[in-house]
Amino acid sequence: MKNNNVTGNVRKDECKRLIEEGRYEEAKKLKGARFILTSNRETLKQKDERARNGEVRGKASELFNLKPSPVKGGNESRLDEIIKDNHLLITAELIKDLFKRSFESKSTCEMRNHITKAITLCRETENEHFCRYANFLAKHIQGIISHARYHISSGMVEGFNNKIKTMRRKAYGFNDDEYFFLKIIDISK
């Protein structure tokens, strides 16, 4: 899921194409729409609901002369408006949905089916970004499918590596390896 930056690249290319064709209003709709295009529909619905309830995103501050800013709504309708005429962005939305369903599936067979459908969709577009993504998926399909079998995340390891990097950066490096490893043991407690 993290490597699915296809949507952002396709959005940029489509924006350039629309500007070259002189369709500035349609290109303007794509500007600043990356969050909307990469978010789940449920997230957009929640954000629209928060906007309808009048929630505030930022706090007011007299010191910095800031006023509270309300949560912006209309995200889901904006997504529908953006993708209705663009077949590449519709494909990106379908692939995003296939991946969501594949990671929710419990069996490896079901997950493989969803991912192979996504690969087929990517290749059918004949877009360079989608084809590159399809090749990436085809190359790593076994590792992706193993998630359905084992449900193991590397989140804790990544978080601990980040702690080690931060500690090393704060200390401007360590001359003594033994002391460095003792510090690692210390932050792990």
C-alpha atoms as a PDB file:
ATOM      1  CA  MET A   1       0.000   0.000   0.000  1.00  0.00           C
ATOM      2  CA  LYS A   2       2.796   2.381   0.865  1.00  0.00           C
ATOM      3  CA  ASN A   3       4.384   2.010  -2.571  1.00  0.00           C
ATOM      4  CA  ASN A   4       1.144   2.962  -4.291  1.00  0.00           C
ATOM      5  CA  ASN A   5       2.330   6.414  -5.335  1.00  0.00           C
ATOM      6  CA  VAL A   6       0.889   5.793  -8.785  1.00  0.00           C
ATOM      7  CA  THR A   7      -2.104   7.994  -8.029  1.00  0.00           C
ATOM      8  CA  GLY A   8       0.084  11.011  -7.294  1.00  0.00           C
ATOM      9  CA  ASN A   9       2.170  10.533 -10.436  1.00  0.00           C
ATOM     10  CA  VAL A  10      -0.895  10.030 -12.642  1.00  0.00           C
ATOM     11  CA  ARG A  11      -2.523  13.115 -11.102  1.00  0.00           C
ATOM     12  CA  LYS A  12       0.548  15.209 -11.921  1.00  0.00           C
ATOM     13  CA  ASP A  13       0.694  13.915 -15.507  1.00  0.00           C
ATOM     14  CA  GLU A  14      -3.013  14.493 -16.038  1.00  0.00           C
ATOM     15  CA  CYS A  15      -2.716  18.014 -14.658  1.00  0.00           C
ATOM     16  CA  LYS A  16       0.114  18.776 -17.103  1.00  0.00           C
ATOM     17  CA  ARG A  17      -1.861  17.272 -19.991  1.00  0.00           C
ATOM     18  CA  LEU A  18      -4.933  19.353 -19.181  1.00  0.00           C
ATOM     19  CA  ILE A  19      -2.868  22.537 -18.978  1.00  0.00           C
ATOM     20  CA  GLU A  20      -1.258  21.781 -22.361  1.00  0.00           C
ATOM     21  CA  GLU A  21      -4.728  21.255 -23.864  1.00  0.00           C
ATOM     22  CA  GLY A  22      -5.863  24.586 -22.414  1.00  0.00           C
ATOM     23  CA  ARG A  23      -8.401  23.032 -20.020  1.00  0.00           C
ATOM     24  CA  TYR A  24      -7.344  25.145 -17.057  1.00  0.00           C
ATOM     25  CA  GLU A  25     -10.517  24.693 -14.965  1.00  0.00           C
ATOM     26  CA  GLU A  26     -10.207  20.896 -15.025  1.00  0.00           C
ATOM     27  CA  ALA A  27      -6.486  21.131 -14.199  1.00  0.00           C
ATOM     28  CA  LYS A  28      -7.294  23.434 -11.298  1.00  0.00           C
ATOM     29  CA  LYS A  29      -9.589  20.740  -9.838  1.00  0.00           C
ATOM     30  CA  LEU A  30      -6.655  18.305  -9.754  1.00  0.00           C
ATOM     31  CA  LYS A  31      -4.358  20.766  -7.991  1.00  0.00           C
ATOM     32  CA  GLY A  32      -4.267  20.052  -4.281  1.00  0.00           C
ATOM     33  CA  ALA A  33      -6.336  16.866  -4.638  1.00  0.00           C
ATOM     34  CA  ARG A  34      -3.662  14.374  -3.670  1.00  0.00           C
ATOM     35  CA  PHE A  35      -5.084  13.783  -0.182  1.00  0.00           C
ATOM     36  CA  ILE A  36      -8.543  13.199  -1.587  1.00  0.00           C
ATOM     37  CA  LEU A  37      -7.315  10.816  -4.289  1.00  0.00           C
ATOM     38  CA  THR A  38      -5.156   8.739  -1.932  1.00  0.00           C
ATOM     39  CA  SER A  39      -7.567   8.568   1.023  1.00  0.00           C
ATOM     40  CA  ASN A  40     -10.076   5.823   1.694  1.00  0.00           C
ATOM     41  CA  ARG A  41     -13.672   6.709   1.020  1.00  0.00           C
ATOM     42  CA  GLU A  42     -14.506   6.000   4.680  1.00  0.00           C
ATOM     43  CA  THR A  43     -11.925   8.576   5.771  1.00  0.00           C
ATOM     44  CA  LEU A  44     -13.465  11.152   3.435  1.00  0.00           C
ATOM     45  CA  LYS A  45     -16.939  10.358   4.784  1.00  0.00           C
ATOM     46  CA  GLN A  46     -15.694  10.815   8.358  1.00  0.00           C
ATOM     47  CA  LYS A  47     -14.088  14.130   7.475  1.00  0.00           C
ATOM     48  CA  ASP A  48     -17.303  15.318   5.775  1.00  0.00           C
ATOM     49  CA  GLU A  49     -19.272  14.284   8.854  1.00  0.00           C
ATOM     50  CA  ARG A  50     -16.895  16.246  11.090  1.00  0.00           C
ATOM     51  CA  ALA A  51     -17.387  19.273   8.837  1.00  0.00           C
ATOM     52  CA  ARG A  52     -21.193  18.941   9.082  1.00  0.00           C
ATOM     53  CA  ASN A  53     -20.884  18.795  12.886  1.00  0.00           C
ATOM     54  CA  GLY A  54     -18.929  22.061  12.820  1.00  0.00           C
ATOM     55  CA  GLU A  55     -15.691  20.707  14.277  1.00  0.00           C
ATOM     56  CA  VAL A  56     -12.680  22.992  14.366  1.00  0.00           C
ATOM     57  CA  ARG A  57      -9.296  21.902  13.038  1.00  0.00           C
ATOM     58  CA  GLY A  58      -7.024  24.508  14.606  1.00  0.00           C
ATOM     59  CA  LYS A  59      -7.151  26.399  17.872  1.00  0.00           C
ATOM     60  CA  ALA A  60      -7.423  30.151  18.132  1.00  0.00           C
ATOM     61  CA  SER A  61      -4.427  32.081  19.403  1.00  0.00           C
ATOM     62  CA  GLU A  62      -4.366  35.761  20.256  1.00  0.00           C
ATOM     63  CA  LEU A  63      -0.580  35.680  20.528  1.00  0.00           C
ATOM     64  CA  PHE A  64      -0.103  34.615  16.905  1.00  0.00           C
ATOM     65  CA  ASN A  65      -3.318  36.218  15.637  1.00  0.00           C
ATOM     66  CA  LEU A  66      -4.780  32.852  14.570  1.00  0.00           C
ATOM     67  CA  LYS A  67      -8.469  32.202  14.172  1.00  0.00           C
ATOM     68  CA  PRO A  68      -9.969  28.733  14.532  1.00  0.00           C
ATOM     69  CA  SER A  69     -10.323  27.033  11.158  1.00  0.00           C
ATOM     70  CA  PRO A  70     -13.271  24.730  10.552  1.00  0.00           C
ATOM     71  CA  VAL A  71     -12.844  21.263   9.050  1.00  0.00           C
ATOM     72  CA  LYS A  72     -13.437  21.433   5.299  1.00  0.00           C
ATOM     73  CA  GLY A  73     -16.244  19.320   3.909  1.00  0.00           C
ATOM     74  CA  GLY A  74     -17.306  18.122   0.489  1.00  0.00           C
ATOM     75  CA  ASN A  75     -14.383  15.740   0.112  1.00  0.00           C
ATOM     76  CA  GLU A  76     -16.363  12.755  -1.142  1.00  0.00           C
ATOM     77  CA  SER A  77     -18.288  14.786  -3.716  1.00  0.00           C
ATOM     78  CA  ARG A  78     -15.015  16.388  -4.854  1.00  0.00           C
ATOM     79  CA  LEU A  79     -13.495  12.923  -5.341  1.00  0.00           C
ATOM     80  CA  ASP A  80     -16.474  11.849  -7.449  1.00  0.00           C
ATOM     81  CA  GLU A  81     -16.222  15.033  -9.497  1.00  0.00           C
ATOM     82  CA  ILE A  82     -12.486  14.563 -10.117  1.00  0.00           C
ATOM     83  CA  ILE A  83     -12.638  10.934 -11.205  1.00  0.00           C
ATOM     84  CA  LYS A  84     -15.869  10.992 -13.223  1.00  0.00           C
ATOM     85  CA  ASP A  85     -14.208  11.938 -16.541  1.00  0.00           C
ATOM     86  CA  ASN A  86     -10.703  10.570 -16.091  1.00  0.00           C
ATOM     87  CA  HIS A  87     -10.281   6.853 -16.787  1.00  0.00           C
ATOM     88  CA  LEU A  88      -6.754   6.739 -15.313  1.00  0.00           C
ATOM     89  CA  LEU A  89      -7.916   8.170 -12.002  1.00  0.00           C
ATOM     90  CA  ILE A  90     -10.900   5.794 -12.024  1.00  0.00           C
ATOM     91  CA  THR A  91      -8.422   2.939 -12.477  1.00  0.00           C
ATOM     92  CA  ALA A  92      -6.340   4.249  -9.560  1.00  0.00           C
ATOM     93  CA  GLU A  93      -9.503   4.300  -7.427  1.00  0.00           C
ATOM     94  CA  LEU A  94     -10.326   0.713  -8.443  1.00  0.00           C
ATOM     95  CA  ILE A  95      -6.802  -0.454  -7.620  1.00  0.00           C
ATOM     96  CA  LYS A  96      -6.975   1.263  -4.240  1.00  0.00           C
ATOM     97  CA  ASP A  97     -10.253  -0.538  -3.554  1.00  0.00           C
ATOM     98  CA  LEU A  98      -8.802  -3.896  -4.677  1.00  0.00           C
ATOM     99  CA  PHE A  99      -5.870  -3.456  -2.304  1.00  0.00           C
ATOM    100  CA  LYS A 100      -8.145  -2.559   0.563  1.00  0.00           C
ATOM    101  CA  ARG A 101     -10.181  -5.718  -0.053  1.00  0.00           C
ATOM    102  CA  SER A 102      -7.045  -7.814  -0.479  1.00  0.00           C
ATOM    103  CA  PHE A 103      -5.617  -6.761   2.886  1.00  0.00           C
ATOM    104  CA  GLU A 104      -8.964  -7.429   4.544  1.00  0.00           C
ATOM    105  CA  SER A 105      -9.092 -10.969   3.103  1.00  0.00           C
ATOM    106  CA  LYS A 106      -8.222 -13.905   5.324  1.00  0.00           C
ATOM    107  CA  SER A 107      -7.107 -16.448   2.729  1.00  0.00           C
ATOM    108  CA  THR A 108      -4.015 -16.274   0.555  1.00  0.00           C
ATOM    109  CA  CYS A 109      -6.006 -17.412  -2.484  1.00  0.00           C
ATOM    110  CA  GLU A 110      -8.462 -14.529  -2.163  1.00  0.00           C
ATOM    111  CA  MET A 111      -5.634 -12.059  -1.628  1.00  0.00           C
ATOM    112  CA  ARG A 112      -3.773 -13.391  -4.692  1.00  0.00           C
ATOM    113  CA  ASN A 113      -6.934 -12.965  -6.802  1.00  0.00           C
ATOM    114  CA  HIS A 114      -7.344  -9.322  -5.760  1.00  0.00           C
ATOM    115  CA  ILE A 115      -3.693  -8.508  -6.421  1.00  0.00           C
ATOM    116  CA  THR A 116      -3.634 -10.244  -9.812  1.00  0.00           C
ATOM    117  CA  LYS A 117      -6.766  -8.261 -10.766  1.00  0.00           C
ATOM    118  CA  ALA A 118      -4.900  -5.089  -9.765  1.00  0.00           C
ATOM    119  CA  ILE A 119      -1.886  -6.141 -11.862  1.00  0.00           C
ATOM    120  CA  THR A 120      -4.138  -6.828 -14.853  1.00  0.00           C
ATOM    121  CA  LEU A 121      -5.886  -3.468 -14.454  1.00  0.00           C
ATOM    122  CA  CYS A 122      -2.537  -1.674 -14.263  1.00  0.00           C
ATOM    123  CA  ARG A 123      -1.232  -3.329 -17.411  1.00  0.00           C
ATOM    124  CA  GLU A 124      -4.446  -2.695 -19.369  1.00  0.00           C
ATOM    125  CA  THR A 125      -4.077   1.068 -18.954  1.00  0.00           C
ATOM    126  CA  GLU A 126      -0.731   1.006 -20.817  1.00  0.00           C
ATOM    127  CA  ASN A 127       0.315   3.993 -18.684  1.00  0.00           C
ATOM    128  CA  GLU A 128       4.007   4.019 -17.746  1.00  0.00           C
ATOM    129  CA  HIS A 129       3.320   4.587 -14.030  1.00  0.00           C
ATOM    130  CA  PHE A 130       0.736   1.813 -13.856  1.00  0.00           C
ATOM    131  CA  CYS A 131       2.946  -0.607 -15.830  1.00  0.00           C
ATOM    132  CA  ARG A 132       5.889   0.073 -13.499  1.00  0.00           C
ATOM    133  CA  TYR A 133       3.619  -0.518 -10.506  1.00  0.00           C
ATOM    134  CA  ALA A 134       2.290  -3.754 -12.050  1.00  0.00           C
ATOM    135  CA  ASN A 135       5.864  -4.999 -12.492  1.00  0.00           C
ATOM    136  CA  PHE A 136       6.624  -4.091  -8.874  1.00  0.00           C
ATOM    137  CA  LEU A 137       3.562  -5.997  -7.673  1.00  0.00           C
ATOM    138  CA  ALA A 138       4.312  -9.031  -9.840  1.00  0.00           C
ATOM    139  CA  LYS A 139       7.866  -9.135  -8.503  1.00  0.00           C
ATOM    140  CA  HIS A 140       6.790  -8.896  -4.843  1.00  0.00           C
ATOM    141  CA  ILE A 141       3.502 -10.816  -4.926  1.00  0.00           C
ATOM    142  CA  GLN A 142       4.749 -13.666  -2.693  1.00  0.00           C
ATOM    143  CA  GLY A 143       5.831 -11.275   0.051  1.00  0.00           C
ATOM    144  CA  ILE A 144       2.562  -9.358  -0.152  1.00  0.00           C
ATOM    145  CA  ILE A 145       0.477 -12.516  -0.008  1.00  0.00           C
ATOM    146  CA  SER A 146       2.381 -13.787   3.031  1.00  0.00           C
ATOM    147  CA  HIS A 147       0.606 -10.997   4.958  1.00  0.00           C
ATOM    148  CA  ALA A 148      -2.673 -12.925   4.606  1.00  0.00           C
ATOM    149  CA  ARG A 149      -1.069 -15.995   6.140  1.00  0.00           C
ATOM    150  CA  TYR A 150       0.995 -14.451   8.969  1.00  0.00           C
ATOM    151  CA  HIS A 151      -0.365 -10.910   9.624  1.00  0.00           C
ATOM    152  CA  ILE A 152       3.046  -9.711  10.763  1.00  0.00           C
ATOM    153  CA  SER A 153       3.864  -6.020  10.650  1.00  0.00           C
ATOM    154  CA  SER A 154       7.313  -4.493  10.713  1.00  0.00           C
ATOM    155  CA  GLY A 155       5.990  -1.417  12.519  1.00  0.00           C
ATOM    156  CA  MET A 156       7.693  -2.109  15.860  1.00  0.00           C
ATOM    157  CA  VAL A 157      11.059  -2.777  14.227  1.00  0.00           C
ATOM    158  CA  GLU A 158      10.782   0.396  12.139  1.00  0.00           C
ATOM    159  CA  GLY A 159       9.831   2.409  15.222  1.00  0.00           C
ATOM    160  CA  PHE A 160      12.773   1.060  17.227  1.00  0.00           C
ATOM    161  CA  ASN A 161      15.174   1.772  14.329  1.00  0.00           C
ATOM    162  CA  ASN A 162      13.853   5.324  14.305  1.00  0.00           C
ATOM    163  CA  LYS A 163      14.584   5.624  18.055  1.00  0.00           C
ATOM    164  CA  ILE A 164      18.170   4.427  17.482  1.00  0.00           C
ATOM    165  CA  LYS A 165      18.704   6.919  14.638  1.00  0.00           C
ATOM    166  CA  THR A 166      17.326   9.754  16.746  1.00  0.00           C
ATOM    167  CA  MET A 167      19.557   8.821  19.683  1.00  0.00           C
ATOM    168  CA  ARG A 168      22.641   8.657  17.458  1.00  0.00           C
ATOM    169  CA  ARG A 169      21.767  12.010  15.845  1.00  0.00           C
ATOM    170  CA  LYS A 170      21.275  13.672  19.248  1.00  0.00           C
ATOM    171  CA  ALA A 171      24.683  12.456  20.404  1.00  0.00           C
ATOM    172  CA  TYR A 172      26.401  13.495  17.137  1.00  0.00           C
ATOM    173  CA  GLY A 173      27.709   9.930  16.816  1.00  0.00           C
ATOM    174  CA  PHE A 174      29.458   7.552  19.204  1.00  0.00           C
ATOM    175  CA  ASN A 175      33.173   6.732  19.216  1.00  0.00           C
ATOM    176  CA  ASP A 176      32.810   3.629  21.375  1.00  0.00           C
ATOM    177  CA  ASP A 177      30.666   0.793  19.952  1.00  0.00           C
ATOM    178  CA  GLU A 178      30.182  -0.855  23.337  1.00  0.00           C
ATOM    179  CA  TYR A 179      28.797   2.364  24.792  1.00  0.00           C
ATOM    180  CA  PHE A 180      26.545   2.748  21.735  1.00  0.00           C
ATOM    181  CA  PHE A 181      25.087  -0.737  22.271  1.00  0.00           C
ATOM    182  CA  LEU A 182      24.608  -0.024  25.971  1.00  0.00           C
ATOM    183  CA  LYS A 183      22.639   3.101  25.026  1.00  0.00           C
ATOM    184  CA  ILE A 184      20.496   1.009  22.655  1.00  0.00           C
ATOM    185  CA  ILE A 185      19.752  -1.442  25.465  1.00  0.00           C
ATOM    186  CA  ASP A 186      18.926   1.509  27.720  1.00  0.00           C
ATOM    187  CA  ILE A 187      16.365   3.049  25.320  1.00  0.00           C
ATOM    188  CA  SER A 188      14.717  -0.341  24.790  1.00  0.00           C
ATOM    189  CA  LYS A 189      13.541  -0.458  28.412  1.00  0.00           C
END
